[in-house]
């Protein structure tokens, strides 16, 4: 069986994007509620707005999150639901 180097590079890219407690926490909350504002996520994740926004912007830039504007709020959601079993697998591995 041949290993697809491009798939490995993409997998490593996604894993690097997930490799932070704040990002994982935000993604887990989004996996349960589908869409949240930065302020909603702040209360769930427990970090400052500027730091959380930085992480959310990074996840959006990497194609993991979507965002849309509603009034004064940016609402975030998971771009591809296939990442949810990966998150659950990672967390189950850490039991």
PDB file of N, CA and C in Angstrom:
ATOM      1  N   UNK A   1       0.838  -1.178   0.000  1.00  0.00           N
ATOM      2  CA  UNK A   1       0.000   0.000   0.000  1.00  0.00           C
ATOM      3  C   UNK A   1       0.891   1.253   0.000  1.00  0.00           C
ATOM      4  N   UNK A   2       0.617   2.138  -0.922  1.00  0.00           N
ATOM      5  CA  UNK A   2       1.402   3.361  -1.038  1.00  0.00           C
ATOM      6  C   UNK A   2       0.800   4.460  -0.151  1.00  0.00           C
ATOM      7  N   UNK A   3       1.653   5.200   0.502  1.00  0.00           N
ATOM      8  CA  UNK A   3       1.209   6.308   1.356  1.00  0.00           C
ATOM      9  C   UNK A   3       1.149   7.569   0.509  1.00  0.00           C
ATOM     10  N   UNK A   4       0.003   8.229   0.562  1.00  0.00           N
ATOM     11  CA  UNK A   4      -0.217   9.449  -0.209  1.00  0.00           C
ATOM     12  C   UNK A   4       0.393  10.636   0.537  1.00  0.00           C
ATOM     13  N   UNK A   5       1.509  11.148   0.048  1.00  0.00           N
ATOM     14  CA  UNK A   5       2.242  12.235   0.707  1.00  0.00           C
ATOM     15  C   UNK A   5       1.396  13.504   0.812  1.00  0.00           C
ATOM     16  N   UNK A   6       0.588  13.792  -0.188  1.00  0.00           N
ATOM     17  CA  UNK A   6      -0.264  14.994  -0.154  1.00  0.00           C
ATOM     18  C   UNK A   6      -1.298  14.880   0.959  1.00  0.00           C
ATOM     19  N   UNK A   7      -1.883  13.695   1.125  1.00  0.00           N
ATOM     20  CA  UNK A   7      -2.842  13.499   2.225  1.00  0.00           C
ATOM     21  C   UNK A   7      -2.164  13.652   3.582  1.00  0.00           C
ATOM     22  N   UNK A   8      -0.940  13.138   3.687  1.00  0.00           N
ATOM     23  CA  UNK A   8      -0.198  13.284   4.943  1.00  0.00           C
ATOM     24  C   UNK A   8       0.088  14.749   5.255  1.00  0.00           C
ATOM     25  N   UNK A   9       0.451  15.512   4.245  1.00  0.00           N
ATOM     26  CA  UNK A   9       0.705  16.944   4.442  1.00  0.00           C
ATOM     27  C   UNK A   9      -0.564  17.663   4.884  1.00  0.00           C
ATOM     28  N   UNK A  10      -1.696  17.336   4.264  1.00  0.00           N
ATOM     29  CA  UNK A  10      -2.969  17.956   4.645  1.00  0.00           C
ATOM     30  C   UNK A  10      -3.351  17.576   6.074  1.00  0.00           C
ATOM     31  N   UNK A  11      -3.139  16.305   6.430  1.00  0.00           N
ATOM     32  CA  UNK A  11      -3.451  15.844   7.784  1.00  0.00           C
ATOM     33  C   UNK A  11      -2.594  16.578   8.810  1.00  0.00           C
ATOM     34  N   UNK A  12      -1.308  16.724   8.522  1.00  0.00           N
ATOM     35  CA  UNK A  12      -0.406  17.433   9.434  1.00  0.00           C
ATOM     36  C   UNK A  12      -0.828  18.891   9.580  1.00  0.00           C
ATOM     37  N   UNK A  13      -1.254  19.500   8.484  1.00  0.00           N
ATOM     38  CA  UNK A  13      -1.720  20.896   8.496  1.00  0.00           C
ATOM     39  C   UNK A  13      -2.926  21.041   9.433  1.00  0.00           C
ATOM     40  N   UNK A  14      -3.884  20.125   9.321  1.00  0.00           N
ATOM     41  CA  UNK A  14      -5.080  20.168  10.173  1.00  0.00           C
ATOM     42  C   UNK A  14      -4.695  19.919  11.632  1.00  0.00           C
ATOM     43  N   UNK A  15      -3.847  18.945  11.882  1.00  0.00           N
ATOM     44  CA  UNK A  15      -3.454  18.644  13.256  1.00  0.00           C
ATOM     45  C   UNK A  15      -2.704  19.805  13.904  1.00  0.00           C
ATOM     46  N   UNK A  16      -1.866  20.499  13.143  1.00  0.00           N
ATOM     47  CA  UNK A  16      -1.185  21.697  13.682  1.00  0.00           C
ATOM     48  C   UNK A  16      -2.206  22.775  14.031  1.00  0.00           C
ATOM     49  N   UNK A  17      -3.227  22.915  13.179  1.00  0.00           N
ATOM     50  CA  UNK A  17      -4.264  23.928  13.438  1.00  0.00           C
ATOM     51  C   UNK A  17      -5.043  23.603  14.706  1.00  0.00           C
ATOM     52  N   UNK A  18      -5.203  22.332  15.013  1.00  0.00           N
ATOM     53  CA  UNK A  18      -5.965  21.913  16.193  1.00  0.00           C
ATOM     54  C   UNK A  18      -5.127  21.893  17.463  1.00  0.00           C
ATOM     55  N   UNK A  19      -3.832  22.001  17.334  1.00  0.00           N
ATOM     56  CA  UNK A  19      -2.910  21.760  18.446  1.00  0.00           C
ATOM     57  C   UNK A  19      -2.842  22.911  19.441  1.00  0.00           C
ATOM     58  N   UNK A  20      -3.995  23.275  19.981  1.00  0.00           N
ATOM     59  CA  UNK A  20      -4.039  24.285  21.043  1.00  0.00           C
ATOM     60  C   UNK A  20      -5.316  24.064  21.845  1.00  0.00           C
ATOM     61  N   UNK A  21      -5.189  24.097  23.163  1.00  0.00           N
ATOM     62  CA  UNK A  21      -6.325  23.831  24.045  1.00  0.00           C
ATOM     63  C   UNK A  21      -7.515  24.763  23.772  1.00  0.00           C
ATOM     64  N   UNK A  22      -7.248  26.047  23.549  1.00  0.00           N
ATOM     65  CA  UNK A  22      -8.326  27.014  23.300  1.00  0.00           C
ATOM     66  C   UNK A  22      -9.058  26.681  22.005  1.00  0.00           C
ATOM     67  N   UNK A  23      -8.311  26.329  20.967  1.00  0.00           N
ATOM     68  CA  UNK A  23      -8.942  25.989  19.687  1.00  0.00           C
ATOM     69  C   UNK A  23      -9.783  24.731  19.816  1.00  0.00           C
ATOM     70  N   UNK A  24      -9.237  23.716  20.479  1.00  0.00           N
ATOM     71  CA  UNK A  24      -9.995  22.481  20.668  1.00  0.00           C
ATOM     72  C   UNK A  24     -11.273  22.729  21.462  1.00  0.00           C
ATOM     73  N   UNK A  25     -11.170  23.527  22.492  1.00  0.00           N
ATOM     74  CA  UNK A  25     -12.331  23.837  23.328  1.00  0.00           C
ATOM     75  C   UNK A  25     -13.405  24.565  22.505  1.00  0.00           C
ATOM     76  N   UNK A  26     -13.011  25.558  21.747  1.00  0.00           N
ATOM     77  CA  UNK A  26     -13.964  26.297  20.920  1.00  0.00           C
ATOM     78  C   UNK A  26     -14.623  25.375  19.900  1.00  0.00           C
ATOM     79  N   UNK A  27     -13.834  24.517  19.272  1.00  0.00           N
ATOM     80  CA  UNK A  27     -14.383  23.597  18.274  1.00  0.00           C
ATOM     81  C   UNK A  27     -15.347  22.594  18.905  1.00  0.00           C
ATOM     82  N   UNK A  28     -15.039  22.112  20.089  1.00  0.00           N
ATOM     83  CA  UNK A  28     -15.950  21.173  20.753  1.00  0.00           C
ATOM     84  C   UNK A  28     -17.283  21.843  21.074  1.00  0.00           C
ATOM     85  N   UNK A  29     -17.244  23.096  21.526  1.00  0.00           N
ATOM     86  CA  UNK A  29     -18.496  23.810  21.799  1.00  0.00           C
ATOM     87  C   UNK A  29     -19.266  24.057  20.506  1.00  0.00           C
ATOM     88  N   UNK A  30     -18.559  24.401  19.447  1.00  0.00           N
ATOM     89  CA  UNK A  30     -19.226  24.614  18.162  1.00  0.00           C
ATOM     90  C   UNK A  30     -19.791  23.310  17.599  1.00  0.00           C
ATOM     91  N   UNK A  31     -19.165  22.203  17.893  1.00  0.00           N
ATOM     92  CA  UNK A  31     -19.676  20.921  17.392  1.00  0.00           C
ATOM     93  C   UNK A  31     -21.007  20.566  18.053  1.00  0.00           C
ATOM     94  N   UNK A  32     -21.242  21.102  19.237  1.00  0.00           N
ATOM     95  CA  UNK A  32     -22.474  20.799  19.966  1.00  0.00           C
ATOM     96  C   UNK A  32     -23.603  21.792  19.680  1.00  0.00           C
ATOM     97  N   UNK A  33     -23.261  23.031  19.326  1.00  0.00           N
ATOM     98  CA  UNK A  33     -24.291  24.059  19.167  1.00  0.00           C
ATOM     99  C   UNK A  33     -24.405  24.607  17.755  1.00  0.00           C
ATOM    100  N   UNK A  34     -23.536  24.185  16.874  1.00  0.00           N
ATOM    101  CA  UNK A  34     -23.545  24.543  15.451  1.00  0.00           C
ATOM    102  C   UNK A  34     -23.065  25.958  15.153  1.00  0.00           C
ATOM    103  N   UNK A  35     -23.486  26.975  15.906  1.00  0.00           N
ATOM    104  CA  UNK A  35     -23.072  28.351  15.609  1.00  0.00           C
ATOM    105  C   UNK A  35     -23.080  29.166  16.897  1.00  0.00           C
ATOM    106  N   UNK A  36     -21.977  29.894  17.121  1.00  0.00           N
ATOM    107  CA  UNK A  36     -21.875  30.730  18.319  1.00  0.00           C
ATOM    108  C   UNK A  36     -21.159  32.032  17.985  1.00  0.00           C
ATOM    109  N   UNK A  37     -21.495  33.059  18.757  1.00  0.00           N
ATOM    110  CA  UNK A  37     -20.789  34.335  18.625  1.00  0.00           C
ATOM    111  C   UNK A  37     -19.507  34.276  19.448  1.00  0.00           C
ATOM    112  N   UNK A  38     -18.636  35.251  19.228  1.00  0.00           N
ATOM    113  CA  UNK A  38     -17.391  35.322  19.995  1.00  0.00           C
ATOM    114  C   UNK A  38     -17.709  35.464  21.476  1.00  0.00           C
ATOM    115  N   UNK A  39     -18.695  36.298  21.829  1.00  0.00           N
ATOM    116  CA  UNK A  39     -19.010  36.472  23.255  1.00  0.00           C
ATOM    117  C   UNK A  39     -19.565  35.194  23.876  1.00  0.00           C
ATOM    118  N   UNK A  40     -20.379  34.441  23.118  1.00  0.00           N
ATOM    119  CA  UNK A  40     -20.863  33.157  23.638  1.00  0.00           C
ATOM    120  C   UNK A  40     -19.695  32.197  23.854  1.00  0.00           C
ATOM    121  N   UNK A  41     -18.790  32.151  22.892  1.00  0.00           N
ATOM    122  CA  UNK A  41     -17.632  31.274  23.012  1.00  0.00           C
ATOM    123  C   UNK A  41     -16.710  31.711  24.149  1.00  0.00           C
ATOM    124  N   UNK A  42     -16.589  33.025  24.363  1.00  0.00           N
ATOM    125  CA  UNK A  42     -15.739  33.531  25.458  1.00  0.00           C
ATOM    126  C   UNK A  42     -16.183  32.952  26.792  1.00  0.00           C
ATOM    127  N   UNK A  43     -17.486  32.949  27.041  1.00  0.00           N
ATOM    128  CA  UNK A  43     -17.976  32.434  28.321  1.00  0.00           C
ATOM    129  C   UNK A  43     -17.776  30.922  28.423  1.00  0.00           C
ATOM    130  N   UNK A  44     -17.832  30.220  27.305  1.00  0.00           N
ATOM    131  CA  UNK A  44     -17.630  28.767  27.315  1.00  0.00           C
ATOM    132  C   UNK A  44     -16.147  28.396  27.433  1.00  0.00           C
ATOM    133  N   UNK A  45     -15.295  29.110  26.689  1.00  0.00           N
ATOM    134  CA  UNK A  45     -13.874  28.775  26.621  1.00  0.00           C
ATOM    135  C   UNK A  45     -13.104  29.355  27.804  1.00  0.00           C
ATOM    136  N   UNK A  46     -13.517  30.539  28.260  1.00  0.00           N
ATOM    137  CA  UNK A  46     -12.871  31.157  29.409  1.00  0.00           C
ATOM    138  C   UNK A  46     -11.559  31.835  29.093  1.00  0.00           C
ATOM    139  N   UNK A  47     -11.510  32.581  27.989  1.00  0.00           N
ATOM    140  CA  UNK A  47     -10.305  33.368  27.700  1.00  0.00           C
ATOM    141  C   UNK A  47     -10.721  34.744  27.189  1.00  0.00           C
ATOM    142  N   UNK A  48      -9.755  35.625  27.086  1.00  0.00           N
ATOM    143  CA  UNK A  48     -10.031  36.996  26.672  1.00  0.00           C
ATOM    144  C   UNK A  48     -10.492  37.042  25.218  1.00  0.00           C
ATOM    145  N   UNK A  49     -11.284  38.055  24.911  1.00  0.00           N
ATOM    146  CA  UNK A  49     -11.859  38.214  23.577  1.00  0.00           C
ATOM    147  C   UNK A  49     -10.795  38.330  22.503  1.00  0.00           C
ATOM    148  N   UNK A  50      -9.741  39.072  22.769  1.00  0.00           N
ATOM    149  CA  UNK A  50      -8.705  39.271  21.754  1.00  0.00           C
ATOM    150  C   UNK A  50      -7.983  37.962  21.426  1.00  0.00           C
ATOM    151  N   UNK A  51      -7.681  37.165  22.453  1.00  0.00           N
ATOM    152  CA  UNK A  51      -7.009  35.888  22.232  1.00  0.00           C
ATOM    153  C   UNK A  51      -7.926  34.908  21.497  1.00  0.00           C
ATOM    154  N   UNK A  52      -9.172  34.841  21.928  1.00  0.00           N
ATOM    155  CA  UNK A  52     -10.128  33.949  21.277  1.00  0.00           C
ATOM    156  C   UNK A  52     -10.342  34.347  19.822  1.00  0.00           C
ATOM    157  N   UNK A  53     -10.487  35.636  19.566  1.00  0.00           N
ATOM    158  CA  UNK A  53     -10.667  36.111  18.187  1.00  0.00           C
ATOM    159  C   UNK A  53      -9.474  35.733  17.319  1.00  0.00           C
ATOM    160  N   UNK A  54      -8.282  35.822  17.889  1.00  0.00           N
ATOM    161  CA  UNK A  54      -7.075  35.428  17.164  1.00  0.00           C
ATOM    162  C   UNK A  54      -7.157  33.950  16.752  1.00  0.00           C
ATOM    163  N   UNK A  55      -7.527  33.085  17.692  1.00  0.00           N
ATOM    164  CA  UNK A  55      -7.632  31.656  17.407  1.00  0.00           C
ATOM    165  C   UNK A  55      -8.742  31.385  16.380  1.00  0.00           C
ATOM    166  N   UNK A  56      -9.878  32.034  16.523  1.00  0.00           N
ATOM    167  CA  UNK A  56     -10.992  31.822  15.595  1.00  0.00           C
ATOM    168  C   UNK A  56     -10.624  32.289  14.188  1.00  0.00           C
ATOM    169  N   UNK A  57      -9.939  33.418  14.098  1.00  0.00           N
ATOM    170  CA  UNK A  57      -9.498  33.924  12.799  1.00  0.00           C
ATOM    171  C   UNK A  57      -8.533  32.946  12.144  1.00  0.00           C
ATOM    172  N   UNK A  58      -7.642  32.379  12.942  1.00  0.00           N
ATOM    173  CA  UNK A  58      -6.687  31.400  12.424  1.00  0.00           C
ATOM    174  C   UNK A  58      -7.408  30.148  11.919  1.00  0.00           C
ATOM    175  N   UNK A  59      -8.374  29.653  12.684  1.00  0.00           N
ATOM    176  CA  UNK A  59      -9.125  28.474  12.267  1.00  0.00           C
ATOM    177  C   UNK A  59      -9.950  28.756  11.011  1.00  0.00           C
ATOM    178  N   UNK A  60     -10.452  29.960  10.906  1.00  0.00           N
ATOM    179  CA  UNK A  60     -11.203  30.348   9.693  1.00  0.00           C
ATOM    180  C   UNK A  60     -10.269  30.427   8.496  1.00  0.00           C
ATOM    181  N   UNK A  61      -9.094  31.001   8.683  1.00  0.00           N
ATOM    182  CA  UNK A  61      -8.122  31.121   7.596  1.00  0.00           C
ATOM    183  C   UNK A  61      -7.660  29.746   7.108  1.00  0.00           C
ATOM    184  N   UNK A  62      -7.650  28.768   8.001  1.00  0.00           N
ATOM    185  CA  UNK A  62      -7.227  27.419   7.626  1.00  0.00           C
ATOM    186  C   UNK A  62      -8.382  26.579   7.095  1.00  0.00           C
ATOM    187  N   UNK A  63      -9.561  27.184   6.980  1.00  0.00           N
ATOM    188  CA  UNK A  63     -10.700  26.487   6.391  1.00  0.00           C
ATOM    189  C   UNK A  63     -11.465  25.589   7.338  1.00  0.00           C
ATOM    190  N   UNK A  64     -11.188  25.683   8.627  1.00  0.00           N
ATOM    191  CA  UNK A  64     -11.859  24.818   9.599  1.00  0.00           C
ATOM    192  C   UNK A  64     -13.182  25.437  10.068  1.00  0.00           C
ATOM    193  N   UNK A  65     -13.224  26.770  10.145  1.00  0.00           N
ATOM    194  CA  UNK A  65     -14.429  27.475  10.570  1.00  0.00           C
ATOM    195  C   UNK A  65     -14.985  28.363   9.458  1.00  0.00           C
ATOM    196  N   UNK A  66     -16.280  28.587   9.551  1.00  0.00           N
ATOM    197  CA  UNK A  66     -16.960  29.621   8.757  1.00  0.00           C
ATOM    198  C   UNK A  66     -17.300  30.751   9.713  1.00  0.00           C
ATOM    199  N   UNK A  67     -17.457  31.945   9.173  1.00  0.00           N
ATOM    200  CA  UNK A  67     -17.972  33.039   9.991  1.00  0.00           C
ATOM    201  C   UNK A  67     -18.925  33.865   9.145  1.00  0.00           C
ATOM    202  N   UNK A  68     -19.871  34.454   9.820  1.00  0.00           N
ATOM    203  CA  UNK A  68     -20.795  35.368   9.159  1.00  0.00           C
ATOM    204  C   UNK A  68     -21.138  36.480  10.130  1.00  0.00           C
ATOM    205  N   UNK A  69     -21.451  37.607   9.584  1.00  0.00           N
ATOM    206  CA  UNK A  69     -21.774  38.782  10.387  1.00  0.00           C
ATOM    207  C   UNK A  69     -23.278  38.860  10.563  1.00  0.00           C
ATOM    208  N   UNK A  70     -23.714  39.088  11.800  1.00  0.00           N
ATOM    209  CA  UNK A  70     -25.121  39.323  12.100  1.00  0.00           C
ATOM    210  C   UNK A  70     -25.185  40.503  13.057  1.00  0.00           C
ATOM    211  N   UNK A  71     -25.538  41.664  12.530  1.00  0.00           N
ATOM    212  CA  UNK A  71     -25.508  42.880  13.337  1.00  0.00           C
ATOM    213  C   UNK A  71     -24.081  43.191  13.736  1.00  0.00           C
ATOM    214  N   UNK A  72     -23.844  43.313  15.039  1.00  0.00           N
ATOM    215  CA  UNK A  72     -22.498  43.599  15.544  1.00  0.00           C
ATOM    216  C   UNK A  72     -21.703  42.331  15.832  1.00  0.00           C
ATOM    217  N   UNK A  73     -22.322  41.179  15.690  1.00  0.00           N
ATOM    218  CA  UNK A  73     -21.677  39.918  16.072  1.00  0.00           C
ATOM    219  C   UNK A  73     -21.132  39.152  14.882  1.00  0.00           C
ATOM    220  N   UNK A  74     -19.985  38.521  15.099  1.00  0.00           N
ATOM    221  CA  UNK A  74     -19.484  37.513  14.175  1.00  0.00           C
ATOM    222  C   UNK A  74     -19.916  36.171  14.729  1.00  0.00           C
ATOM    223  N   UNK A  75     -20.590  35.386  13.899  1.00  0.00           N
ATOM    224  CA  UNK A  75     -21.030  34.062  14.304  1.00  0.00           C
ATOM    225  C   UNK A  75     -20.142  33.029  13.624  1.00  0.00           C
ATOM    226  N   UNK A  76     -19.670  32.067  14.397  1.00  0.00           N
ATOM    227  CA  UNK A  76     -18.757  31.049  13.889  1.00  0.00           C
ATOM    228  C   UNK A  76     -19.438  29.688  13.882  1.00  0.00           C
ATOM    229  N   UNK A  77     -19.078  28.894  12.882  1.00  0.00           N
ATOM    230  CA  UNK A  77     -19.565  27.518  12.776  1.00  0.00           C
ATOM    231  C   UNK A  77     -18.468  26.668  12.150  1.00  0.00           C
ATOM    232  N   UNK A  78     -18.589  25.364  12.322  1.00  0.00           N
ATOM    233  CA  UNK A  78     -17.614  24.443  11.751  1.00  0.00           C
ATOM    234  C   UNK A  78     -17.876  24.322  10.255  1.00  0.00           C
ATOM    235  N   UNK A  79     -16.822  24.452   9.467  1.00  0.00           N
ATOM    236  CA  UNK A  79     -16.922  24.433   8.008  1.00  0.00           C
ATOM    237  C   UNK A  79     -17.236  23.039   7.472  1.00  0.00           C
ATOM    238  N   UNK A  80     -16.596  22.022   8.014  1.00  0.00           N
ATOM    239  CA  UNK A  80     -16.767  20.661   7.527  1.00  0.00           C
ATOM    240  C   UNK A  80     -16.995  19.747   8.725  1.00  0.00           C
ATOM    241  N   UNK A  81     -18.189  19.192   8.816  1.00  0.00           N
ATOM    242  CA  UNK A  81     -18.563  18.373   9.975  1.00  0.00           C
ATOM    243  C   UNK A  81     -17.721  17.104  10.112  1.00  0.00           C
ATOM    244  N   UNK A  82     -16.945  16.753   9.094  1.00  0.00           N
ATOM    245  CA  UNK A  82     -16.093  15.567   9.181  1.00  0.00           C
ATOM    246  C   UNK A  82     -15.005  15.721  10.233  1.00  0.00           C
ATOM    247  N   UNK A  83     -14.755  16.943  10.662  1.00  0.00           N
ATOM    248  CA  UNK A  83     -13.723  17.156  11.678  1.00  0.00           C
ATOM    249  C   UNK A  83     -14.215  16.750  13.072  1.00  0.00           C
ATOM    250  N   UNK A  84     -15.528  16.684  13.265  1.00  0.00           N
ATOM    251  CA  UNK A  84     -16.082  16.379  14.591  1.00  0.00           C
ATOM    252  C   UNK A  84     -15.665  14.983  15.075  1.00  0.00           C
ATOM    253  N   UNK A  85     -15.772  13.922  14.253  1.00  0.00           N
ATOM    254  CA  UNK A  85     -15.284  12.622  14.739  1.00  0.00           C
ATOM    255  C   UNK A  85     -13.785  12.626  15.048  1.00  0.00           C
ATOM    256  N   UNK A  86     -13.018  13.416  14.321  1.00  0.00           N
ATOM    257  CA  UNK A  86     -11.585  13.531  14.610  1.00  0.00           C
ATOM    258  C   UNK A  86     -11.373  14.149  15.994  1.00  0.00           C
ATOM    259  N   UNK A  87     -12.106  15.214  16.300  1.00  0.00           N
ATOM    260  CA  UNK A  87     -12.010  15.842  17.624  1.00  0.00           C
ATOM    261  C   UNK A  87     -12.381  14.846  18.718  1.00  0.00           C
ATOM    262  N   UNK A  88     -13.475  14.114  18.504  1.00  0.00           N
ATOM    263  CA  UNK A  88     -13.920  13.140  19.497  1.00  0.00           C
ATOM    264  C   UNK A  88     -12.892  12.035  19.668  1.00  0.00           C
ATOM    265  N   UNK A  89     -12.294  11.608  18.574  1.00  0.00           N
ATOM    266  CA  UNK A  89     -11.262  10.573  18.621  1.00  0.00           C
ATOM    267  C   UNK A  89     -10.056  11.045  19.441  1.00  0.00           C
ATOM    268  N   UNK A  90      -9.635  12.267  19.209  1.00  0.00           N
ATOM    269  CA  UNK A  90      -8.497  12.823  19.949  1.00  0.00           C
ATOM    270  C   UNK A  90      -8.820  12.872  21.444  1.00  0.00           C
ATOM    271  N   UNK A  91     -10.007  13.366  21.779  1.00  0.00           N
ATOM    272  CA  UNK A  91     -10.376  13.484  23.192  1.00  0.00           C
ATOM    273  C   UNK A  91     -10.545  12.103  23.839  1.00  0.00           C
ATOM    274  N   UNK A  92     -11.103  11.142  23.099  1.00  0.00           N
ATOM    275  CA  UNK A  92     -11.257   9.787  23.646  1.00  0.00           C
ATOM    276  C   UNK A  92      -9.898   9.128  23.857  1.00  0.00           C
ATOM    277  N   UNK A  93      -8.942   9.431  23.024  1.00  0.00           N
ATOM    278  CA  UNK A  93      -7.599   8.888  23.159  1.00  0.00           C
ATOM    279  C   UNK A  93      -6.941   9.364  24.459  1.00  0.00           C
ATOM    280  N   UNK A  94      -7.316  10.550  24.904  1.00  0.00           N
ATOM    281  CA  UNK A  94      -6.679  11.168  26.068  1.00  0.00           C
ATOM    282  C   UNK A  94      -7.323  10.761  27.400  1.00  0.00           C
ATOM    283  N   UNK A  95      -8.202   9.789  27.410  1.00  0.00           N
ATOM    284  CA  UNK A  95      -8.859   9.370  28.667  1.00  0.00           C
ATOM    285  C   UNK A  95      -7.909   8.726  29.629  1.00  0.00           C
TER     286      UNK A  95
END
